[in-house]
Amino acid sequence: MRTIVRTTILVALSIALLGFVFSRADPEMVVEALLSAQPNLLVFGSLLMFLSYPIRAQRWRYLLRPVEPVGFNSSFRATTIGFAINALLPGRVGELVRPLVLARREKISASSAFATVVIERLLDLLVVCLILLCFAVSGFQSSSVNEDILVSLRNTLLILGVLAGAGLGFVFYAAFQPDWNSRLAKRLILTASGGFKYRMIVAFQKFLEGLAIIRDRNSFLLALVWSIPLWLTMTVSVWCVSTAFGVMVAVNEAAFLLAMIFVGVSLPTPAGVGGYHAAYQLGATALFGASADKAVGAGLVLHLFSFGPVIFVGLFFMVQEGLWFRSIREMVAKIEKS
C-alpha cells in the first residue's frame, strides 16, 4: 500500500511538472523547433551523453578496487542496468539494484558496493559545484544572462559544495576511525527498540564498515579525477543540444544548465520526467532568455539522449542476466527486510 501511494504521488508530480513546462509553450512552435534543430550537433550531443555511462563504469571500478577488483564488463553492465531501472521505476530503485547486480556477478560484499554508490553521489555533487564555480569565474558571454538568478544559483552551488565537502569529510573520518564506528554502532544498537529501528541501525553499521574502501587514497583520487571528464562530457552534450535548438549559450554557461538539470532529476520521478524538463526550461528561459518553445524542444531531446539509449542497453543486459522486474522487486524487498 505504501509503495502504491508513493508511486501515485511521484506520477502526479511528473504530470504536474510537465503541465507547467508545456503550458508556457506553443505545441506547433515546439514541433517546428524540433524539425529545424541542427542534426550534426544533435548526433554529437547524443554520443557524448552516452559516453558518460562507460566513464561512470570506469570511475566505479576505481572506487571498488579496494574491495575487490572488478572487470569493466561487470561494472558497465551493472551501471546501465541500474540507470535503466531508475528511468523506468520511481524512487531511485536502481541505486539499490546496481550494487546488488555487481555483487552477484563478482561475488563481493553488496554493502561495500552500496557504500561506493553513496560516495559516487557525494563526488558528483562536489565536482559539479567545483566545475561550475570555475566556469563562473571566467564570466558569461550571453548578454541576456539574468544576474539576479545567477547570483542566487551561485550561492546555492556554494552551499551545496560545502554540504558535499562536509559529507565527504564525514566519510573520510568514518573510514579512518574504525574504533569510532564500532562504538557508535554499539550505542545505537543499545538504544534500539522495535524490529524496524534495529534493522535500520544494523544496515547503518554495515554501511560504515563499507566506507573503509576509501582508505586506498590512490583509488579514491583516481575516481575523483575521472569525475571531471564525466561532467565535462555531459556539459558539452548540453551545449551541443542547446545550440542545435538556437538556445545561445557558451560551454561554461551550459554547465549552469546542467546544474539545474542535476537538481531537477534529484526528484525521484521515473527517469526524472517533469523535473528534468522543468529545470532545463527554467534555466534556458530565465537565465539565458531563450524562448519557451526552443527550451521545451531542447529539453525533450536532452532527456531522450540522457535516458533513451541507457534504457535500451540496460534492458538488453537485464535479459542476459535473467533479471525481470518481479525479481528486482524481490531483491529490493530483501534489502528493506535485512
Protein backbone atom coordinates (compact mmCIF):
# COMPACT_ATOMS: atom_id res chain seq x y z
CA MET A 1 0.00 0.00 0.00
CA ARG A 2 2.81 2.39 0.89
CA THR A 3 4.52 1.71 -2.47
CA ILE A 4 1.29 2.41 -4.37
CA VAL A 5 0.80 5.73 -2.55
CA ARG A 6 4.40 6.79 -3.17
CA THR A 7 4.20 5.86 -6.85
CA THR A 8 0.93 7.73 -7.26
CA ILE A 9 2.40 10.86 -5.68
CA LEU A 10 5.50 10.75 -7.90
CA VAL A 11 3.49 10.18 -11.08
CA ALA A 12 1.20 13.08 -10.14
CA LEU A 13 4.27 15.25 -9.57
CA SER A 14 5.66 14.32 -13.00
CA ILE A 15 2.37 15.18 -14.68
CA ALA A 16 2.12 18.50 -12.83
CA LEU A 17 5.67 19.49 -13.82
CA LEU A 18 5.09 18.51 -17.45
CA GLY A 19 1.90 20.55 -17.40
CA PHE A 20 3.91 23.53 -16.19
CA VAL A 21 6.51 23.00 -18.94
CA PHE A 22 4.03 22.73 -21.85
CA SER A 23 1.74 25.48 -20.56
CA ARG A 24 4.43 28.03 -21.40
CA ALA A 25 4.97 26.87 -24.98
CA ASP A 26 3.07 26.68 -28.26
CA PRO A 27 2.93 23.00 -29.38
CA GLU A 28 3.20 23.94 -33.05
CA MET A 29 6.28 26.05 -32.39
CA VAL A 30 7.82 23.22 -30.36
CA VAL A 31 7.35 20.87 -33.32
CA GLU A 32 8.90 23.46 -35.62
CA ALA A 33 11.88 23.79 -33.27
CA LEU A 34 12.32 20.01 -33.25
CA LEU A 35 12.27 19.83 -37.06
CA SER A 36 14.68 22.73 -37.52
CA ALA A 37 17.32 21.63 -34.98
CA GLN A 38 20.83 21.11 -36.38
CA PRO A 39 21.26 17.32 -36.83
CA ASN A 40 25.08 17.27 -36.69
CA LEU A 41 25.10 18.84 -33.23
CA LEU A 42 22.32 16.51 -32.07
CA VAL A 43 24.27 13.42 -33.17
CA PHE A 44 27.44 14.63 -31.44
CA GLY A 45 25.48 15.53 -28.31
CA SER A 46 23.83 12.10 -28.14
CA LEU A 47 27.19 10.32 -28.49
CA LEU A 48 28.72 12.41 -25.73
CA MET A 49 25.79 11.79 -23.40
CA PHE A 50 26.01 8.03 -23.86
CA LEU A 51 29.79 8.19 -23.40
CA SER A 52 29.14 9.34 -19.83
CA TYR A 53 27.96 5.83 -18.89
CA PRO A 54 31.19 3.93 -19.69
CA ILE A 55 33.05 6.76 -17.93
CA ARG A 56 30.82 6.20 -14.88
CA ALA A 57 31.54 2.47 -15.04
CA GLN A 58 35.29 3.06 -15.16
CA ARG A 59 35.13 5.53 -12.25
CA TRP A 60 33.15 3.00 -10.22
CA ARG A 61 35.87 0.41 -10.80
CA TYR A 62 38.39 2.64 -9.02
CA LEU A 63 36.09 3.07 -6.04
CA LEU A 64 35.55 -0.69 -5.93
CA ARG A 65 39.22 -1.63 -6.31
CA PRO A 66 39.95 -1.66 -2.53
CA VAL A 67 37.01 -4.06 -2.06
CA GLU A 68 37.69 -6.35 -4.99
CA PRO A 69 39.00 -5.59 -8.48
CA VAL A 70 36.12 -5.91 -10.95
CA GLY A 71 36.13 -6.06 -14.72
CA PHE A 72 34.83 -3.26 -16.89
CA ASN A 73 32.20 -5.55 -18.40
CA SER A 74 30.60 -6.25 -15.00
CA SER A 75 30.82 -2.62 -13.94
CA PHE A 76 29.30 -1.35 -17.18
CA ARG A 77 26.50 -3.92 -17.12
CA ALA A 78 25.56 -3.11 -13.52
CA THR A 79 25.74 0.63 -14.23
CA THR A 80 23.45 0.53 -17.26
CA ILE A 81 21.01 -1.84 -15.54
CA GLY A 82 20.84 0.47 -12.52
CA PHE A 83 20.23 3.59 -14.59
CA ALA A 84 17.67 1.79 -16.76
CA ILE A 85 15.74 0.79 -13.65
CA ASN A 86 16.00 4.35 -12.33
CA ALA A 87 14.49 5.50 -15.61
CA LEU A 88 11.61 3.03 -15.56
CA LEU A 89 10.69 2.83 -11.87
CA PRO A 90 10.09 5.60 -9.32
CA GLY A 91 12.03 6.02 -6.10
CA ARG A 92 15.63 5.58 -7.37
CA VAL A 93 15.38 1.79 -7.05
CA GLY A 94 18.28 1.42 -9.48
CA GLU A 95 20.71 2.80 -6.90
CA LEU A 96 19.98 -0.27 -4.77
CA VAL A 97 19.90 -2.77 -7.62
CA ARG A 98 23.16 -1.63 -9.22
CA PRO A 99 25.45 -2.81 -6.38
CA LEU A 100 23.37 -5.98 -5.98
CA VAL A 101 23.84 -6.88 -9.65
CA LEU A 102 27.57 -6.28 -9.36
CA ALA A 103 27.80 -8.24 -6.11
CA ARG A 104 26.03 -11.18 -7.73
CA ARG A 105 28.36 -11.16 -10.75
CA GLU A 106 31.63 -10.58 -8.89
CA LYS A 107 30.87 -12.26 -5.52
CA ILE A 108 31.67 -9.15 -3.50
CA SER A 109 30.02 -7.52 -0.50
CA ALA A 110 26.79 -5.78 -1.51
CA SER A 111 27.01 -3.38 1.47
CA SER A 112 30.51 -2.27 0.45
CA ALA A 113 29.38 -1.84 -3.15
CA PHE A 114 26.44 0.26 -1.97
CA ALA A 115 28.82 2.44 0.07
CA THR A 116 30.69 3.24 -3.15
CA VAL A 117 27.40 4.39 -4.75
CA VAL A 118 26.90 6.87 -1.88
CA ILE A 119 30.48 8.10 -2.29
CA GLU A 120 29.81 8.49 -6.03
CA ARG A 121 26.89 10.80 -5.35
CA LEU A 122 28.96 12.95 -3.00
CA LEU A 123 31.72 13.12 -5.60
CA ASP A 124 29.22 14.12 -8.28
CA LEU A 125 27.84 16.94 -6.15
CA LEU A 126 31.30 18.20 -5.19
CA VAL A 127 32.73 18.06 -8.72
CA VAL A 128 29.67 19.72 -10.28
CA CYS A 129 29.94 22.60 -7.82
CA LEU A 130 33.69 22.96 -8.44
CA ILE A 131 33.31 22.92 -12.22
CA LEU A 132 30.53 25.48 -12.10
CA LEU A 133 32.41 27.79 -9.78
CA CYS A 134 35.45 27.61 -12.09
CA PHE A 135 33.30 28.38 -15.13
CA ALA A 136 31.58 31.22 -13.29
CA VAL A 137 34.93 32.91 -12.69
CA SER A 138 35.54 33.02 -16.46
CA GLY A 139 32.44 35.17 -16.94
CA PHE A 140 29.43 34.88 -19.25
CA GLN A 141 29.19 35.76 -22.92
CA SER A 142 25.41 35.89 -23.23
CA SER A 143 24.07 39.42 -22.82
CA SER A 144 20.70 38.02 -21.73
CA VAL A 145 22.02 36.38 -18.56
CA ASN A 146 19.80 37.25 -15.61
CA GLU A 147 22.31 38.39 -13.00
CA ASP A 148 19.91 38.13 -10.05
CA ILE A 149 19.11 34.49 -10.77
CA LEU A 150 22.77 33.82 -11.49
CA VAL A 151 23.82 35.17 -8.09
CA SER A 152 21.19 33.02 -6.38
CA LEU A 153 22.38 29.98 -8.30
CA ARG A 154 26.00 30.66 -7.38
CA ASN A 155 25.10 30.95 -3.70
CA THR A 156 23.10 27.73 -3.88
CA LEU A 157 26.01 25.93 -5.53
CA LEU A 158 28.36 27.23 -2.86
CA ILE A 159 26.08 25.86 -0.13
CA LEU A 160 25.75 22.53 -1.92
CA GLY A 161 29.51 22.37 -2.38
CA VAL A 162 30.05 22.96 1.33
CA LEU A 163 27.50 20.25 2.17
CA ALA A 164 29.14 17.81 -0.23
CA GLY A 165 32.54 18.60 1.27
CA ALA A 166 31.13 18.04 4.75
CA GLY A 167 29.62 14.73 3.64
CA LEU A 168 32.95 13.59 2.20
CA GLY A 169 34.64 14.77 5.40
CA PHE A 170 32.35 12.52 7.43
CA VAL A 171 33.03 9.66 5.03
CA PHE A 172 36.78 10.09 5.44
CA TYR A 173 36.53 10.32 9.22
CA ALA A 174 34.33 7.23 9.40
CA ALA A 175 36.66 5.34 7.07
CA PHE A 176 39.82 6.12 9.04
CA GLN A 177 38.29 5.72 12.51
CA PRO A 178 37.09 2.10 12.73
CA ASP A 179 37.03 2.24 16.55
CA TRP A 180 34.66 5.21 16.41
CA ASN A 181 32.43 3.29 14.01
CA SER A 182 32.28 0.32 16.36
CA ARG A 183 31.45 2.48 19.39
CA LEU A 184 28.75 4.36 17.50
CA ALA A 185 27.15 1.15 16.25
CA LYS A 186 27.13 -0.37 19.75
CA ARG A 187 25.50 2.75 21.23
CA LEU A 188 22.83 2.79 18.53
CA ILE A 189 22.06 -0.89 19.00
CA LEU A 190 21.75 -0.47 22.77
CA THR A 191 19.20 2.32 22.29
CA ALA A 192 17.25 0.47 19.57
CA SER A 193 13.68 -0.58 20.23
CA GLY A 194 11.49 -2.29 17.68
CA GLY A 195 12.39 -4.51 14.77
CA PHE A 196 12.42 -1.83 12.06
CA LYS A 197 14.64 0.54 14.06
CA TYR A 198 17.04 -2.27 14.85
CA ARG A 199 17.28 -3.28 11.18
CA MET A 200 17.99 0.32 10.20
CA ILE A 201 20.81 0.54 12.74
CA VAL A 202 22.34 -2.74 11.59
CA ALA A 203 22.17 -1.53 7.96
CA PHE A 204 23.89 1.71 9.02
CA GLN A 205 26.60 -0.32 10.76
CA LYS A 206 27.22 -2.33 7.58
CA PHE A 207 27.37 0.90 5.60
CA LEU A 208 30.01 2.35 7.96
CA GLU A 209 32.06 -0.80 7.53
CA GLY A 210 31.82 -0.43 3.78
CA LEU A 211 33.23 3.09 3.87
CA ALA A 212 36.62 1.63 4.72
CA ILE A 213 37.21 1.26 0.98
CA ILE A 214 38.38 4.87 0.68
CA ARG A 215 41.42 4.16 2.84
CA ASP A 216 43.02 3.45 -0.51
CA ARG A 217 43.84 7.07 -1.33
CA ASN A 218 45.11 6.33 -4.84
CA SER A 219 41.88 4.67 -5.89
CA PHE A 220 39.81 7.48 -4.42
CA LEU A 221 41.88 10.17 -6.15
CA LEU A 222 41.60 8.33 -9.47
CA ALA A 223 37.83 8.21 -9.05
CA LEU A 224 37.87 11.95 -8.34
CA VAL A 225 39.93 12.59 -11.47
CA TRP A 226 37.52 10.52 -13.60
CA SER A 227 34.63 12.62 -12.29
CA ILE A 228 35.95 15.63 -14.19
CA PRO A 229 35.72 14.20 -17.76
CA LEU A 230 32.38 12.64 -16.77
CA TRP A 231 30.76 16.00 -16.05
CA LEU A 232 32.63 17.87 -18.77
CA THR A 233 31.31 15.33 -21.29
CA MET A 234 27.74 15.92 -20.15
CA THR A 235 28.28 19.69 -20.15
CA VAL A 236 29.43 19.66 -23.79
CA SER A 237 26.45 17.46 -24.65
CA VAL A 238 24.08 20.01 -23.10
CA TRP A 239 25.85 22.75 -25.07
CA CYS A 240 25.53 20.81 -28.35
CA VAL A 241 21.79 20.21 -27.99
CA SER A 242 21.09 23.72 -26.72
CA THR A 243 22.99 25.28 -29.62
CA ALA A 244 21.25 22.94 -32.09
CA PHE A 245 17.92 24.45 -30.98
CA GLY A 246 19.14 28.03 -31.06
CA VAL A 247 19.48 28.39 -27.27
CA MET A 248 22.61 30.50 -27.44
CA VAL A 249 24.90 29.59 -24.55
CA ALA A 250 28.65 29.18 -24.22
CA VAL A 251 30.15 25.96 -22.85
CA ASN A 252 30.61 27.42 -19.37
CA GLU A 253 27.01 28.65 -19.45
CA ALA A 254 25.84 25.15 -20.43
CA ALA A 255 27.40 23.97 -17.17
CA PHE A 256 24.82 26.03 -15.29
CA LEU A 257 22.03 24.42 -17.31
CA LEU A 258 23.47 21.02 -16.39
CA ALA A 259 23.49 22.06 -12.73
CA MET A 260 19.80 22.91 -12.90
CA ILE A 261 19.11 19.55 -14.57
CA PHE A 262 21.09 17.88 -11.78
CA VAL A 263 18.74 19.50 -9.27
CA GLY A 264 15.67 18.62 -11.37
CA VAL A 265 16.47 14.91 -11.59
CA SER A 266 17.01 14.75 -7.83
CA LEU A 267 13.23 14.39 -7.65
CA PRO A 268 12.66 10.60 -7.55
CA THR A 269 10.26 10.52 -10.50
CA PRO A 270 10.82 7.81 -13.16
CA ALA A 271 13.65 8.96 -15.46
CA GLY A 272 13.38 12.42 -13.91
CA VAL A 273 10.28 13.06 -16.05
CA GLY A 274 8.94 16.52 -15.34
CA GLY A 275 11.75 17.65 -13.06
CA TYR A 276 14.33 17.34 -15.85
CA HIS A 277 12.25 19.29 -18.35
CA ALA A 278 11.14 21.99 -15.91
CA ALA A 279 14.70 22.56 -14.67
CA TYR A 280 16.14 22.88 -18.18
CA GLN A 281 13.34 25.15 -19.37
CA LEU A 282 13.63 27.39 -16.32
CA GLY A 283 17.39 27.70 -16.80
CA ALA A 284 17.23 28.33 -20.55
CA THR A 285 14.44 30.92 -20.35
CA ALA A 286 15.16 32.69 -17.06
CA LEU A 287 18.95 32.66 -17.22
CA PHE A 288 19.60 33.00 -20.94
CA GLY A 289 16.44 34.47 -22.41
CA ALA A 290 15.59 31.53 -24.68
CA SER A 291 12.02 31.18 -25.96
CA ALA A 292 9.86 28.62 -24.18
CA ASP A 293 9.30 26.74 -27.45
CA LYS A 294 13.01 26.19 -28.10
CA ALA A 295 13.63 25.37 -24.44
CA VAL A 296 10.89 22.72 -24.44
CA GLY A 297 12.23 21.15 -27.65
CA ALA A 298 15.82 21.10 -26.39
CA GLY A 299 14.72 19.73 -23.02
CA LEU A 300 12.77 16.89 -24.64
CA VAL A 301 15.71 15.88 -26.84
CA LEU A 302 18.23 16.13 -24.00
CA HIS A 303 16.03 13.96 -21.82
CA LEU A 304 15.74 11.39 -24.62
CA PHE A 305 19.52 11.34 -25.08
CA SER A 306 20.08 11.03 -21.32
CA PHE A 307 17.77 8.07 -20.74
CA GLY A 308 16.75 6.52 -24.07
CA PRO A 309 19.98 4.68 -25.01
CA VAL A 310 20.73 3.53 -21.46
CA ILE A 311 17.21 2.10 -21.10
CA PHE A 312 17.70 0.06 -24.29
CA VAL A 313 21.17 -1.19 -23.30
CA GLY A 314 20.17 -1.77 -19.68
CA LEU A 315 17.12 -3.84 -20.63
CA PHE A 316 19.26 -5.88 -23.02
CA PHE A 317 21.71 -6.67 -20.20
CA MET A 318 18.82 -7.42 -17.82
CA VAL A 319 17.56 -10.11 -20.18
CA GLN A 320 21.05 -11.58 -20.43
CA GLU A 321 21.37 -11.58 -16.63
CA GLY A 322 17.96 -13.22 -16.23
CA LEU A 323 16.61 -10.21 -14.32
CA TRP A 324 12.93 -9.31 -14.51
CA PHE A 325 11.02 -6.60 -12.72
CA ARG A 326 9.48 -9.17 -10.37
CA SER A 327 12.92 -10.40 -9.32
CA ILE A 328 14.05 -6.79 -8.90
CA ARG A 329 11.15 -6.12 -6.54
CA GLU A 330 12.12 -9.22 -4.56
CA MET A 331 15.73 -8.03 -4.36
CA VAL A 332 14.65 -4.63 -3.05
CA ALA A 333 12.24 -6.25 -0.57
CA LYS A 334 15.10 -8.34 0.83
CA ILE A 335 17.15 -5.18 1.36
CA GLU A 336 14.32 -3.50 3.22
CA LYS A 337 13.91 -6.55 5.49
CA SER A 338 17.63 -7.12 6.09
